[in-house]
C-alpha atoms as a PDB file:
ATOM      1  CA  UNK A   1     123.032 118.638  91.569  1.00  0.00           C
ATOM      2  CA  UNK A   2     124.444 120.313  88.156  1.00  0.00           C
ATOM      3  CA  UNK A   3     124.498 116.781  86.211  1.00  0.00           C
ATOM      4  CA  UNK A   4     121.775 115.228  87.618  1.00  0.00           C
ATOM      5  CA  UNK A   5     118.279 114.710  85.304  1.00  0.00           C
ATOM      6  CA  UNK A   6     114.496 113.790  85.885  1.00  0.00           C
ATOM      7  CA  UNK A   7     112.306 112.477  83.193  1.00  0.00           C
ATOM      8  CA  UNK A   8     108.906 112.459  84.604  1.00  0.00           C
ATOM      9  CA  UNK A   9     106.279 109.773  83.490  1.00  0.00           C
ATOM     10  CA  UNK A  10     103.255 111.703  82.831  1.00  0.00           C
ATOM     11  CA  UNK A  11     100.605 110.015  80.080  1.00  0.00           C
ATOM     12  CA  UNK A  12      98.298 107.383  81.803  1.00  0.00           C
ATOM     13  CA  UNK A  13      95.037 106.831  80.335  1.00  0.00           C
ATOM     14  CA  UNK A  14      92.495 109.110  82.677  1.00  0.00           C
ATOM     15  CA  UNK A  15      89.753 106.574  83.372  1.00  0.00           C
ATOM     16  CA  UNK A  16      90.164 105.567  87.100  1.00  0.00           C
ATOM     17  CA  UNK A  17      88.965 109.063  88.253  1.00  0.00           C
ATOM     18  CA  UNK A  18      86.026 109.453  85.486  1.00  0.00           C
ATOM     19  CA  UNK A  19      84.040 111.872  85.465  1.00  0.00           C
ATOM     20  CA  UNK A  20      87.353 114.103  86.936  1.00  0.00           C
ATOM     21  CA  UNK A  21      89.409 112.912  84.391  1.00  0.00           C
ATOM     22  CA  UNK A  22      88.943 112.269  80.604  1.00  0.00           C
ATOM     23  CA  UNK A  23      90.717 110.790  77.825  1.00  0.00           C
ATOM     24  CA  UNK A  24      92.975 114.507  78.019  1.00  0.00           C
ATOM     25  CA  UNK A  25      92.782 114.804  81.777  1.00  0.00           C
ATOM     26  CA  UNK A  26      94.401 111.796  83.657  1.00  0.00           C
ATOM     27  CA  UNK A  27      94.799 111.908  87.183  1.00  0.00           C
ATOM     28  CA  UNK A  28      98.109 113.825  87.434  1.00  0.00           C
ATOM     29  CA  UNK A  29      96.095 116.910  86.038  1.00  0.00           C
ATOM     30  CA  UNK A  30      93.636 117.020  88.821  1.00  0.00           C
ATOM     31  CA  UNK A  31      93.558 119.237  91.185  1.00  0.00           C
ATOM     32  CA  UNK A  32      92.616 116.590  94.156  1.00  0.00           C
ATOM     33  CA  UNK A  33      94.476 117.453  97.039  1.00  0.00           C
ATOM     34  CA  UNK A  34      94.295 121.226  97.133  1.00  0.00           C
ATOM     35  CA  UNK A  35      95.400 123.688  94.680  1.00  0.00           C
ATOM     36  CA  UNK A  36      97.743 122.225  93.200  1.00  0.00           C
ATOM     37  CA  UNK A  37      97.442 119.059  90.623  1.00  0.00           C
ATOM     38  CA  UNK A  38      99.675 115.978  91.316  1.00  0.00           C
ATOM     39  CA  UNK A  39     101.734 116.933  87.916  1.00  0.00           C
ATOM     40  CA  UNK A  40     102.455 120.118  89.193  1.00  0.00           C
ATOM     41  CA  UNK A  41     103.155 118.772  92.383  1.00  0.00           C
ATOM     42  CA  UNK A  42     106.045 116.089  90.851  1.00  0.00           C
ATOM     43  CA  UNK A  43     107.580 119.307  90.032  1.00  0.00           C
ATOM     44  CA  UNK A  44     107.895 120.999  93.021  1.00  0.00           C
ATOM     45  CA  UNK A  45     109.395 118.230  94.893  1.00  0.00           C
ATOM     46  CA  UNK A  46     112.295 118.037  92.616  1.00  0.00           C
ATOM     47  CA  UNK A  47     113.060 122.097  93.654  1.00  0.00           C
ATOM     48  CA  UNK A  48     116.242 122.719  94.438  1.00  0.00           C
ATOM     49  CA  UNK A  49     117.354 118.948  93.737  1.00  0.00           C
ATOM     50  CA  UNK A  50     117.032 119.201  89.675  1.00  0.00           C
ATOM     51  CA  UNK A  51     117.859 122.149  87.613  1.00  0.00           C
ATOM     52  CA  UNK A  52     114.406 123.237  85.505  1.00  0.00           C
ATOM     53  CA  UNK A  53     116.139 122.486  82.204  1.00  0.00           C
ATOM     54  CA  UNK A  54     116.944 119.117  83.092  1.00  0.00           C
ATOM     55  CA  UNK A  55     113.672 118.465  83.619  1.00  0.00           C
ATOM     56  CA  UNK A  56     111.749 115.691  80.711  1.00  0.00           C
ATOM     57  CA  UNK A  57     107.866 116.097  80.909  1.00  0.00           C
ATOM     58  CA  UNK A  58     106.615 112.799  78.832  1.00  0.00           C
ATOM     59  CA  UNK A  59     103.277 112.958  77.961  1.00  0.00           C
ATOM     60  CA  UNK A  60     101.031 112.000  74.853  1.00  0.00           C
ATOM     61  CA  UNK A  61      99.590 113.207  71.773  1.00  0.00           C
ATOM     62  CA  UNK A  62      95.889 113.858  74.119  1.00  0.00           C
ATOM     63  CA  UNK A  63      97.121 115.015  77.034  1.00  0.00           C
ATOM     64  CA  UNK A  64     100.014 117.076  75.505  1.00  0.00           C
ATOM     65  CA  UNK A  65      97.940 120.393  75.022  1.00  0.00           C
ATOM     66  CA  UNK A  66      96.715 120.225  78.323  1.00  0.00           C
ATOM     67  CA  UNK A  67     100.451 119.532  80.081  1.00  0.00           C
ATOM     68  CA  UNK A  68     101.926 122.659  78.067  1.00  0.00           C
ATOM     69  CA  UNK A  69      98.980 124.529  79.185  1.00  0.00           C
ATOM     70  CA  UNK A  70      99.151 123.626  83.072  1.00  0.00           C
ATOM     71  CA  UNK A  71     103.028 124.082  83.119  1.00  0.00           C
ATOM     72  CA  UNK A  72     103.373 127.670  81.046  1.00  0.00           C
ATOM     73  CA  UNK A  73     107.131 128.102  81.323  1.00  0.00           C
ATOM     74  CA  UNK A  74     107.744 125.964  84.694  1.00  0.00           C
ATOM     75  CA  UNK A  75     109.988 123.747  82.368  1.00  0.00           C
ATOM     76  CA  UNK A  76     111.386 124.561  78.892  1.00  0.00           C
ATOM     77  CA  UNK A  77     108.514 124.284  75.658  1.00  0.00           C
ATOM     78  CA  UNK A  78     111.272 122.122  74.067  1.00  0.00           C
ATOM     79  CA  UNK A  79     111.371 119.915  77.587  1.00  0.00           C
ATOM     80  CA  UNK A  80     107.764 118.710  77.203  1.00  0.00           C
ATOM     81  CA  UNK A  81     108.030 115.786  74.724  1.00  0.00           C
ATOM     82  CA  UNK A  82     104.514 113.845  73.314  1.00  0.00           C
ATOM     83  CA  UNK A  83     105.100 110.503  72.864  1.00  0.00           C
ATOM     84  CA  UNK A  84     103.322 109.462  69.090  1.00  0.00           C
ATOM     85  CA  UNK A  85     102.008 106.823  70.246  1.00  0.00           C
ATOM     86  CA  UNK A  86     101.124 104.561  73.793  1.00  0.00           C
ATOM     87  CA  UNK A  87     104.003 101.653  73.672  1.00  0.00           C
ATOM     88  CA  UNK A  88     104.274 101.042  77.615  1.00  0.00           C
ATOM     89  CA  UNK A  89     106.846 102.070  80.006  1.00  0.00           C
ATOM     90  CA  UNK A  90     110.123 100.527  78.255  1.00  0.00           C
ATOM     91  CA  UNK A  91     110.027 103.091  75.472  1.00  0.00           C
ATOM     92  CA  UNK A  92     108.828 106.001  77.261  1.00  0.00           C
ATOM     93  CA  UNK A  93     111.456 105.032  79.268  1.00  0.00           C
ATOM     94  CA  UNK A  94     114.414 104.879  76.300  1.00  0.00           C
ATOM     95  CA  UNK A  95     112.822 108.139  75.141  1.00  0.00           C
ATOM     96  CA  UNK A  96     113.778 109.854  78.450  1.00  0.00           C
ATOM     97  CA  UNK A  97     117.232 108.136  78.511  1.00  0.00           C
ATOM     98  CA  UNK A  98     118.230 109.612  74.916  1.00  0.00           C
ATOM     99  CA  UNK A  99     117.206 112.741  75.922  1.00  0.00           C
ATOM    100  CA  UNK A 100     119.553 112.660  78.748  1.00  0.00           C
ATOM    101  CA  UNK A 101     122.306 110.815  76.799  1.00  0.00           C
ATOM    102  CA  UNK A 102     122.113 113.717  74.141  1.00  0.00           C
ATOM    103  CA  UNK A 103     123.020 116.399  76.694  1.00  0.00           C
ATOM    104  CA  UNK A 104     125.459 114.803  79.007  1.00  0.00           C
ATOM    105  CA  UNK A 105     126.491 111.280  79.279  1.00  0.00           C
ATOM    106  CA  UNK A 106     128.202 110.746  81.870  1.00  0.00           C
ATOM    107  CA  UNK A 107     124.637 112.275  84.272  1.00  0.00           C
ATOM    108  CA  UNK A 108     122.846 110.310  86.512  1.00  0.00           C
ATOM    109  CA  UNK A 109     118.601 110.549  85.840  1.00  0.00           C
ATOM    110  CA  UNK A 110     115.669 109.630  87.898  1.00  0.00           C
ATOM    111  CA  UNK A 111     112.521 108.443  86.352  1.00  0.00           C
ATOM    112  CA  UNK A 112     109.646 109.366  88.377  1.00  0.00           C
ATOM    113  CA  UNK A 113     105.799 109.028  88.056  1.00  0.00           C
ATOM    114  CA  UNK A 114     103.949 111.945  88.089  1.00  0.00           C
ATOM    115  CA  UNK A 115     100.920 110.337  89.716  1.00  0.00           C
ATOM    116  CA  UNK A 116     101.800 109.775  92.867  1.00  0.00           C
ATOM    117  CA  UNK A 117     100.852 111.439  96.303  1.00  0.00           C
ATOM    118  CA  UNK A 118     104.375 112.537  98.391  1.00  0.00           C
ATOM    119  CA  UNK A 119     103.759 115.463 100.858  1.00  0.00           C
ATOM    120  CA  UNK A 120     107.083 115.183 102.537  1.00  0.00           C
ATOM    121  CA  UNK A 121     109.195 116.898 100.110  1.00  0.00           C
ATOM    122  CA  UNK A 122     112.692 116.859 102.324  1.00  0.00           C
ATOM    123  CA  UNK A 123     112.151 113.355 103.172  1.00  0.00           C
ATOM    124  CA  UNK A 124     111.743 112.944  99.362  1.00  0.00           C
ATOM    125  CA  UNK A 125     114.945 114.542  98.098  1.00  0.00           C
ATOM    126  CA  UNK A 126     117.072 112.712 100.991  1.00  0.00           C
ATOM    127  CA  UNK A 127     116.191 109.617  99.650  1.00  0.00           C
ATOM    128  CA  UNK A 128     116.711 110.378  96.423  1.00  0.00           C
ATOM    129  CA  UNK A 129     119.873 112.122  96.870  1.00  0.00           C
ATOM    130  CA  UNK A 130     121.413 108.563  98.270  1.00  0.00           C
ATOM    131  CA  UNK A 131     119.319 106.773  95.418  1.00  0.00           C
ATOM    132  CA  UNK A 132     121.379 109.315  93.221  1.00  0.00           C
ATOM    133  CA  UNK A 133     124.660 108.967  94.853  1.00  0.00           C
ATOM    134  CA  UNK A 134     124.615 104.553  94.836  1.00  0.00           C
ATOM    135  CA  UNK A 135     123.727 104.994  91.221  1.00  0.00           C
ATOM    136  CA  UNK A 136     126.251 106.938  90.071  1.00  0.00           C
ATOM    137  CA  UNK A 137     128.994 105.113  92.741  1.00  0.00           C
ATOM    138  CA  UNK A 138     127.891 101.866  91.411  1.00  0.00           C
ATOM    139  CA  UNK A 139     126.778 101.556  88.212  1.00  0.00           C
ATOM    140  CA  UNK A 140     123.734  99.562  89.764  1.00  0.00           C
ATOM    141  CA  UNK A 141     120.103 100.140  88.830  1.00  0.00           C
ATOM    142  CA  UNK A 142     118.423 101.802  92.325  1.00  0.00           C
ATOM    143  CA  UNK A 143     114.784 101.090  92.915  1.00  0.00           C
ATOM    144  CA  UNK A 144     113.015 103.088  95.488  1.00  0.00           C
ATOM    145  CA  UNK A 145     110.698 100.629  97.426  1.00  0.00           C
ATOM    146  CA  UNK A 146     107.734 101.387  99.483  1.00  0.00           C
ATOM    147  CA  UNK A 147     107.711  99.711 102.866  1.00  0.00           C
ATOM    148  CA  UNK A 148     103.639  98.163 103.054  1.00  0.00           C
ATOM    149  CA  UNK A 149     101.637  98.412 105.521  1.00  0.00           C
ATOM    150  CA  UNK A 150      98.696  95.945 104.289  1.00  0.00           C
ATOM    151  CA  UNK A 151      98.526  92.659 102.197  1.00  0.00           C
ATOM    152  CA  UNK A 152      98.230  94.819  99.182  1.00  0.00           C
ATOM    153  CA  UNK A 153      97.111  92.541  95.917  1.00  0.00           C
ATOM    154  CA  UNK A 154      97.284  95.077  93.824  1.00  0.00           C
ATOM    155  CA  UNK A 155     100.877  96.555  93.461  1.00  0.00           C
ATOM    156  CA  UNK A 156     103.979  94.620  91.890  1.00  0.00           C
ATOM    157  CA  UNK A 157     106.344  93.549  94.755  1.00  0.00           C
ATOM    158  CA  UNK A 158     110.250  93.728  94.992  1.00  0.00           C
ATOM    159  CA  UNK A 159     112.204  91.332  96.841  1.00  0.00           C
ATOM    160  CA  UNK A 160     115.112  92.051  98.689  1.00  0.00           C
ATOM    161  CA  UNK A 161     118.070  90.122  99.308  1.00  0.00           C
ATOM    162  CA  UNK A 162     121.365  90.647 101.285  1.00  0.00           C
ATOM    163  CA  UNK A 163     121.923  94.316 102.802  1.00  0.00           C
ATOM    164  CA  UNK A 164     124.654  95.860 100.269  1.00  0.00           C
ATOM    165  CA  UNK A 165     127.574  98.131 101.701  1.00  0.00           C
ATOM    166  CA  UNK A 166     128.769 100.958  99.748  1.00  0.00           C
ATOM    167  CA  UNK A 167     131.858 103.172 101.020  1.00  0.00           C
ATOM    168  CA  UNK A 168     132.359 106.584 100.492  1.00  0.00           C
ATOM    169  CA  UNK A 169     128.424 107.709 101.095  1.00  0.00           C
ATOM    170  CA  UNK A 170     127.438 111.040 102.175  1.00  0.00           C
ATOM    171  CA  UNK A 171     123.931 110.234 101.985  1.00  0.00           C
ATOM    172  CA  UNK A 172     123.513 106.609 103.852  1.00  0.00           C
ATOM    173  CA  UNK A 173     120.557 104.909 102.992  1.00  0.00           C
ATOM    174  CA  UNK A 174     120.152 101.255 103.945  1.00  0.00           C
ATOM    175  CA  UNK A 175     120.686 100.170 100.129  1.00  0.00           C
ATOM    176  CA  UNK A 176     119.739  95.765  99.537  1.00  0.00           C
ATOM    177  CA  UNK A 177     120.476  93.566  96.597  1.00  0.00           C
ATOM    178  CA  UNK A 178     117.310  93.136  94.519  1.00  0.00           C
ATOM    179  CA  UNK A 179     116.677  89.117  94.555  1.00  0.00           C
ATOM    180  CA  UNK A 180     113.610  89.390  92.339  1.00  0.00           C
ATOM    181  CA  UNK A 181     110.685  91.368  91.179  1.00  0.00           C
ATOM    182  CA  UNK A 182     107.521  89.615  92.132  1.00  0.00           C
ATOM    183  CA  UNK A 183     104.052  90.655  89.683  1.00  0.00           C
ATOM    184  CA  UNK A 184     100.784  91.493  91.711  1.00  0.00           C
ATOM    185  CA  UNK A 185     100.418  88.055  93.981  1.00  0.00           C
ATOM    186  CA  UNK A 186      97.020  87.122  95.279  1.00  0.00           C
ATOM    187  CA  UNK A 187      95.650  87.888  98.592  1.00  0.00           C
ATOM    188  CA  UNK A 188      97.252  84.724 100.829  1.00  0.00           C
ATOM    189  CA  UNK A 189     100.454  85.282  98.676  1.00  0.00           C
ATOM    190  CA  UNK A 190     100.704  89.208  99.538  1.00  0.00           C
ATOM    191  CA  UNK A 191      99.825  88.349 103.090  1.00  0.00           C
ATOM    192  CA  UNK A 192     103.320  86.166 103.214  1.00  0.00           C
ATOM    193  CA  UNK A 193     104.931  89.089 101.796  1.00  0.00           C
ATOM    194  CA  UNK A 194     103.959  90.936 104.234  1.00  0.00           C
ATOM    195  CA  UNK A 195     104.494  88.278 106.818  1.00  0.00           C
ATOM    196  CA  UNK A 196     108.216  87.289 105.297  1.00  0.00           C
ATOM    197  CA  UNK A 197     109.545  91.122 106.038  1.00  0.00           C
ATOM    198  CA  UNK A 198     111.887  91.491 103.010  1.00  0.00           C
ATOM    199  CA  UNK A 199     109.137  92.813 100.638  1.00  0.00           C
ATOM    200  CA  UNK A 200     108.906  96.275  99.507  1.00  0.00           C
ATOM    201  CA  UNK A 201     105.935  97.536  97.021  1.00  0.00           C
ATOM    202  CA  UNK A 202     107.329  98.883  93.415  1.00  0.00           C
ATOM    203  CA  UNK A 203     106.821 101.972  93.374  1.00  0.00           C
ATOM    204  CA  UNK A 204     107.758 102.543  89.482  1.00  0.00           C
ATOM    205  CA  UNK A 205     111.021 105.372  90.828  1.00  0.00           C
ATOM    206  CA  UNK A 206     114.284 104.741  88.892  1.00  0.00           C
ATOM    207  CA  UNK A 207     117.460 105.935  89.713  1.00  0.00           C
ATOM    208  CA  UNK A 208     120.993 104.863  87.432  1.00  0.00           C
ATOM    209  CA  UNK A 209     123.665 106.096  85.855  1.00  0.00           C
ATOM    210  CA  UNK A 210     123.102 107.145  82.369  1.00  0.00           C
ATOM    211  CA  UNK A 211     126.354 104.831  81.011  1.00  0.00           C
ATOM    212  CA  UNK A 212     125.122 101.914  83.449  1.00  0.00           C
ATOM    213  CA  UNK A 213     121.237 101.896  82.075  1.00  0.00           C
ATOM    214  CA  UNK A 214     122.545 101.738  78.702  1.00  0.00           C
ATOM    215  CA  UNK A 215     125.135  99.433  79.319  1.00  0.00           C
ATOM    216  CA  UNK A 216     121.978  97.181  80.770  1.00  0.00           C
ATOM    217  CA  UNK A 217     119.843  97.717  77.945  1.00  0.00           C
ATOM    218  CA  UNK A 218     122.262  96.999  75.357  1.00  0.00           C
ATOM    219  CA  UNK A 219     122.761  93.494  76.873  1.00  0.00           C
ATOM    220  CA  UNK A 220     118.997  92.675  77.862  1.00  0.00           C
ATOM    221  CA  UNK A 221     116.909  94.662  74.843  1.00  0.00           C
ATOM    222  CA  UNK A 222     119.450  96.026  72.058  1.00  0.00           C
ATOM    223  CA  UNK A 223     116.028  97.110  70.561  1.00  0.00           C
ATOM    224  CA  UNK A 224     115.301  99.677  72.661  1.00  0.00           C
ATOM    225  CA  UNK A 225     119.475 100.508  72.878  1.00  0.00           C
ATOM    226  CA  UNK A 226     119.394 101.118  69.301  1.00  0.00           C
ATOM    227  CA  UNK A 227     116.372 103.846  69.600  1.00  0.00           C
ATOM    228  CA  UNK A 228     118.374 105.686  72.420  1.00  0.00           C
ATOM    229  CA  UNK A 229     121.270 106.023  70.111  1.00  0.00           C
ATOM    230  CA  UNK A 230     119.289 106.986  67.538  1.00  0.00           C
ATOM    231  CA  UNK A 231     117.899 109.524  69.988  1.00  0.00           C
ATOM    232  CA  UNK A 232     121.209 110.889  70.764  1.00  0.00           C
ATOM    233  CA  UNK A 233     121.811 112.132  67.841  1.00  0.00           C
ATOM    234  CA  UNK A 234     118.933 112.739  65.885  1.00  0.00           C
ATOM    235  CA  UNK A 235     118.683 116.525  64.403  1.00  0.00           C
ATOM    236  CA  UNK A 236     115.332 116.179  64.433  1.00  0.00           C
ATOM    237  CA  UNK A 237     113.783 114.772  67.473  1.00  0.00           C
ATOM    238  CA  UNK A 238     110.367 114.715  66.228  1.00  0.00           C
ATOM    239  CA  UNK A 239     110.729 112.991  62.683  1.00  0.00           C
ATOM    240  CA  UNK A 240     112.567 110.772  64.554  1.00  0.00           C
ATOM    241  CA  UNK A 241     110.162 109.824  67.355  1.00  0.00           C
ATOM    242  CA  UNK A 242     107.773 109.555  64.410  1.00  0.00           C
ATOM    243  CA  UNK A 243     109.242 107.466  62.164  1.00  0.00           C
ATOM    244  CA  UNK A 244     111.280 104.791  65.180  1.00  0.00           C
ATOM    245  CA  UNK A 245     108.566 105.213  68.314  1.00  0.00           C
ATOM    246  CA  UNK A 246     105.754 103.381  67.475  1.00  0.00           C
ATOM    247  CA  UNK A 247     107.654 100.268  66.131  1.00  0.00           C
ATOM    248  CA  UNK A 248     108.800  99.683  69.665  1.00  0.00           C
ATOM    249  CA  UNK A 249     107.533  96.595  71.346  1.00  0.00           C
ATOM    250  CA  UNK A 250     104.895  97.309  74.120  1.00  0.00           C
ATOM    251  CA  UNK A 251     106.860  96.171  77.343  1.00  0.00           C
ATOM    252  CA  UNK A 252     106.770  97.517  80.472  1.00  0.00           C
ATOM    253  CA  UNK A 253     110.284  98.466  81.939  1.00  0.00           C
ATOM    254  CA  UNK A 254     110.597  95.598  84.431  1.00  0.00           C
ATOM    255  CA  UNK A 255     109.674  93.372  81.873  1.00  0.00           C
ATOM    256  CA  UNK A 256     112.241  94.685  79.461  1.00  0.00           C
ATOM    257  CA  UNK A 257     114.957  95.642  81.931  1.00  0.00           C
ATOM    258  CA  UNK A 258     114.586  95.165  86.155  1.00  0.00           C
ATOM    259  CA  UNK A 259     114.001  91.521  86.014  1.00  0.00           C
ATOM    260  CA  UNK A 260     116.932  91.091  84.190  1.00  0.00           C
ATOM    261  CA  UNK A 261     119.515  93.669  84.664  1.00  0.00           C
ATOM    262  CA  UNK A 262     122.885  92.283  86.115  1.00  0.00           C
ATOM    263  CA  UNK A 263     122.565  94.390  89.268  1.00  0.00           C
ATOM    264  CA  UNK A 264     119.547  95.990  90.899  1.00  0.00           C
ATOM    265  CA  UNK A 265     119.558  97.534  94.444  1.00  0.00           C
ATOM    266  CA  UNK A 266     116.965  98.794  96.239  1.00  0.00           C
ATOM    267  CA  UNK A 267     116.391 101.862  99.397  1.00  0.00           C
ATOM    268  CA  UNK A 268     113.212 101.924 100.925  1.00  0.00           C
ATOM    269  CA  UNK A 269     111.081 105.178 100.997  1.00  0.00           C
ATOM    270  CA  UNK A 270     111.632 107.222 104.323  1.00  0.00           C
ATOM    271  CA  UNK A 271     108.608 109.501 103.032  1.00  0.00           C
ATOM    272  CA  UNK A 272     105.100 109.199 103.137  1.00  0.00           C
ATOM    273  CA  UNK A 273     103.567 107.677  99.450  1.00  0.00           C
ATOM    274  CA  UNK A 274     100.255 106.951  97.922  1.00  0.00           C
ATOM    275  CA  UNK A 275      99.512 105.910  94.571  1.00  0.00           C
ATOM    276  CA  UNK A 276      96.167 107.527  94.351  1.00  0.00           C
ATOM    277  CA  UNK A 277      94.627 104.305  92.624  1.00  0.00           C
ATOM    278  CA  UNK A 278      90.970 105.663  92.674  1.00  0.00           C
ATOM    279  CA  UNK A 279      89.003 107.630  94.845  1.00  0.00           C
ATOM    280  CA  UNK A 280      88.892 105.458  97.921  1.00  0.00           C
ATOM    281  CA  UNK A 281      92.555 106.790  97.934  1.00  0.00           C
ATOM    282  CA  UNK A 282      91.287 110.452  97.874  1.00  0.00           C
ATOM    283  CA  UNK A 283      88.583 110.007 100.090  1.00  0.00           C
ATOM    284  CA  UNK A 284      91.349 109.422 102.586  1.00  0.00           C
ATOM    285  CA  UNK A 285      92.679 113.164 102.435  1.00  0.00           C
ATOM    286  CA  UNK A 286      88.914 114.701 102.897  1.00  0.00           C
ATOM    287  CA  UNK A 287      87.508 115.991 105.777  1.00  0.00           C
ATOM    288  CA  UNK A 288      85.200 113.250 107.180  1.00  0.00           C
ATOM    289  CA  UNK A 289      82.302 113.668 109.348  1.00  0.00           C
ATOM    290  CA  UNK A 290      81.670 111.315 112.680  1.00  0.00           C
ATOM    291  CA  UNK A 291      79.908 108.758 110.520  1.00  0.00           C
ATOM    292  CA  UNK A 292      83.072 108.589 107.895  1.00  0.00           C
ATOM    293  CA  UNK A 293      81.496 111.109 105.012  1.00  0.00           C
ATOM    294  CA  UNK A 294      84.362 112.273 103.834  1.00  0.00           C
ATOM    295  CA  UNK A 295      83.801 115.225 101.130  1.00  0.00           C
ATOM    296  CA  UNK A 296      85.444 118.189  99.158  1.00  0.00           C
ATOM    297  CA  UNK A 297      82.157 120.071  99.389  1.00  0.00           C
ATOM    298  CA  UNK A 298      79.147 121.013 101.785  1.00  0.00           C
ATOM    299  CA  UNK A 299      77.249 117.706 102.957  1.00  0.00           C
ATOM    300  CA  UNK A 300      74.525 117.220 105.270  1.00  0.00           C
ATOM    301  CA  UNK A 301      73.125 113.802 105.885  1.00  0.00           C
ATOM    302  CA  UNK A 302      70.918 111.515 107.337  1.00  0.00           C
ATOM    303  CA  UNK A 303      71.746 108.111 108.079  1.00  0.00           C
ATOM    304  CA  UNK A 304      74.724 107.598 105.956  1.00  0.00           C
ATOM    305  CA  UNK A 305      77.866 106.296 106.485  1.00  0.00           C
ATOM    306  CA  UNK A 306      80.783 105.748 104.693  1.00  0.00           C
ATOM    307  CA  UNK A 307      80.660 107.522 101.340  1.00  0.00           C
ATOM    308  CA  UNK A 308      82.896 109.562  99.470  1.00  0.00           C
ATOM    309  CA  UNK A 309      81.791 113.209  97.827  1.00  0.00           C
ATOM    310  CA  UNK A 310      84.205 115.007  95.392  1.00  0.00           C
ATOM    311  CA  UNK A 311      82.324 117.797  93.837  1.00  0.00           C
ATOM    312  CA  UNK A 312      84.058 120.369  90.974  1.00  0.00           C
ATOM    313  CA  UNK A 313      81.530 123.272  92.069  1.00  0.00           C
ATOM    314  CA  UNK A 314      81.271 123.396  95.497  1.00  0.00           C
ATOM    315  CA  UNK A 315      77.353 122.724  95.840  1.00  0.00           C
ATOM    316  CA  UNK A 316      76.148 121.458  98.961  1.00  0.00           C
ATOM    317  CA  UNK A 317      75.377 117.296  98.829  1.00  0.00           C
ATOM    318  CA  UNK A 318      72.498 115.172 100.893  1.00  0.00           C
ATOM    319  CA  UNK A 319      72.522 111.653 101.762  1.00  0.00           C
ATOM    320  CA  UNK A 320      70.205 109.636 103.264  1.00  0.00           C
ATOM    321  CA  UNK A 321      69.881 106.432 103.929  1.00  0.00           C
ATOM    322  CA  UNK A 322      73.211 105.132 101.660  1.00  0.00           C
ATOM    323  CA  UNK A 323      76.858 103.659 102.691  1.00  0.00           C
ATOM    324  CA  UNK A 324      79.516 103.210 101.119  1.00  0.00           C
ATOM    325  CA  UNK A 325      78.676 105.809  98.033  1.00  0.00           C
ATOM    326  CA  UNK A 326      81.251 106.982  95.482  1.00  0.00           C
ATOM    327  CA  UNK A 327      79.349 110.400  94.251  1.00  0.00           C
ATOM    328  CA  UNK A 328      81.298 112.362  92.042  1.00  0.00           C
ATOM    329  CA  UNK A 329      79.668 115.376  90.796  1.00  0.00           C
ATOM    330  CA  UNK A 330      81.272 117.339  87.314  1.00  0.00           C
ATOM    331  CA  UNK A 331      79.712 120.563  84.806  1.00  0.00           C
ATOM    332  CA  UNK A 332      78.329 117.941  82.485  1.00  0.00           C
ATOM    333  CA  UNK A 333      78.199 114.112  84.784  1.00  0.00           C
ATOM    334  CA  UNK A 334      77.594 112.492  87.305  1.00  0.00           C
ATOM    335  CA  UNK A 335      78.666 109.542  88.992  1.00  0.00           C
ATOM    336  CA  UNK A 336      76.941 107.556  91.394  1.00  0.00           C
ATOM    337  CA  UNK A 337      79.011 103.839  92.816  1.00  0.00           C
ATOM    338  CA  UNK A 338      79.704 101.615  95.138  1.00  0.00           C
ATOM    339  CA  UNK A 339      82.666 101.905  97.152  1.00  0.00           C
ATOM    340  CA  UNK A 340      83.745  98.461  96.275  1.00  0.00           C
ATOM    341  CA  UNK A 341      82.946  99.137  92.519  1.00  0.00           C
ATOM    342  CA  UNK A 342      85.949 101.627  92.704  1.00  0.00           C
ATOM    343  CA  UNK A 343      88.215  99.642  90.616  1.00  0.00           C
ATOM    344  CA  UNK A 344      85.624  98.728  87.751  1.00  0.00           C
ATOM    345  CA  UNK A 345      84.927 102.262  87.081  1.00  0.00           C
ATOM    346  CA  UNK A 346      87.643 102.719  84.326  1.00  0.00           C
ATOM    347  CA  UNK A 347      85.108  99.639  82.766  1.00  0.00           C
ATOM    348  CA  UNK A 348      82.095 102.136  83.014  1.00  0.00           C
ATOM    349  CA  UNK A 349      83.804 104.369  81.109  1.00  0.00           C
ATOM    350  CA  UNK A 350      83.369 102.512  77.798  1.00  0.00           C
ATOM    351  CA  UNK A 351      78.758 102.752  78.343  1.00  0.00           C
ATOM    352  CA  UNK A 352      79.200 106.437  78.466  1.00  0.00           C
ATOM    353  CA  UNK A 353      79.096 108.542  75.287  1.00  0.00           C
ATOM    354  CA  UNK A 354      82.550 109.761  73.404  1.00  0.00           C
ATOM    355  CA  UNK A 355      82.219 113.091  74.173  1.00  0.00           C
ATOM    356  CA  UNK A 356      82.347 112.532  77.842  1.00  0.00           C
ATOM    357  CA  UNK A 357      85.618 110.092  77.427  1.00  0.00           C
END
């Protein structure tokens, strides 16, 4: 698709997967599922859908060196841009919009996170082709939603309204008007969402025409629209970013735009999806024994149940009389945590020496 572009968001803090992840090596730069990192997998899923020269990788200063070393010449060097400051998703996406608009103001573009696990490439591309076609025909902002499999209180939700019928589509996904975005709910409210049936998890994937999204930003967030204009006409993007990006509001794209936009449409994903939020997510994909001990390395157990083990050196790990632990070993650190505390690992990092961050 010659006028299609993709912006891959490849920043993040890298703390939920300590000690595997570090400040300069967040989860999208880890090989958690096979021989490729999540970023490499995200890039590979676009093969045949978006030309490599139309793909922008957005990272940050701490991670730029690792990203460039990992990707090599997989994308043009100038297509990897490090944000000079962490300003949340709205300024980052505005930068991506400006980058695309400078190349093709009539383009249709996708914004995709780099840190999600999606294994069905064919279904992913079929869904995205439909979304691109809907965005180009309607000028609406299109979101990809994930069908909830349980009442998760850790995700944002998209509440769908009536079915939207769009004529002339070659790819015919079910398209719905978005009634509203709902923030991370309390567990009982998440259960209501699940039972109601017209809610999707918000996957943070957005598809829109460049002209359509700029028109919406001009109305609802003129500061970001003005920044896009500066990026479009910049002759020295590095200097423009250094002078203007740190002054942009620190705000998510949902708050800045999606909750205010005139027309937002939702397509429910037809592909598998996992946001890989913790080591518990990783454990679901590792080989497991009859006692549900999951590991990527040789394991010996006695009276052990429900543990997750991940090592970087292939060392044999022996477990005796323990259950529901997370054990992670790297060259310079070992983590032992209860699986119920997986979400708190990011807070533990503040208590380890700075050189291990």
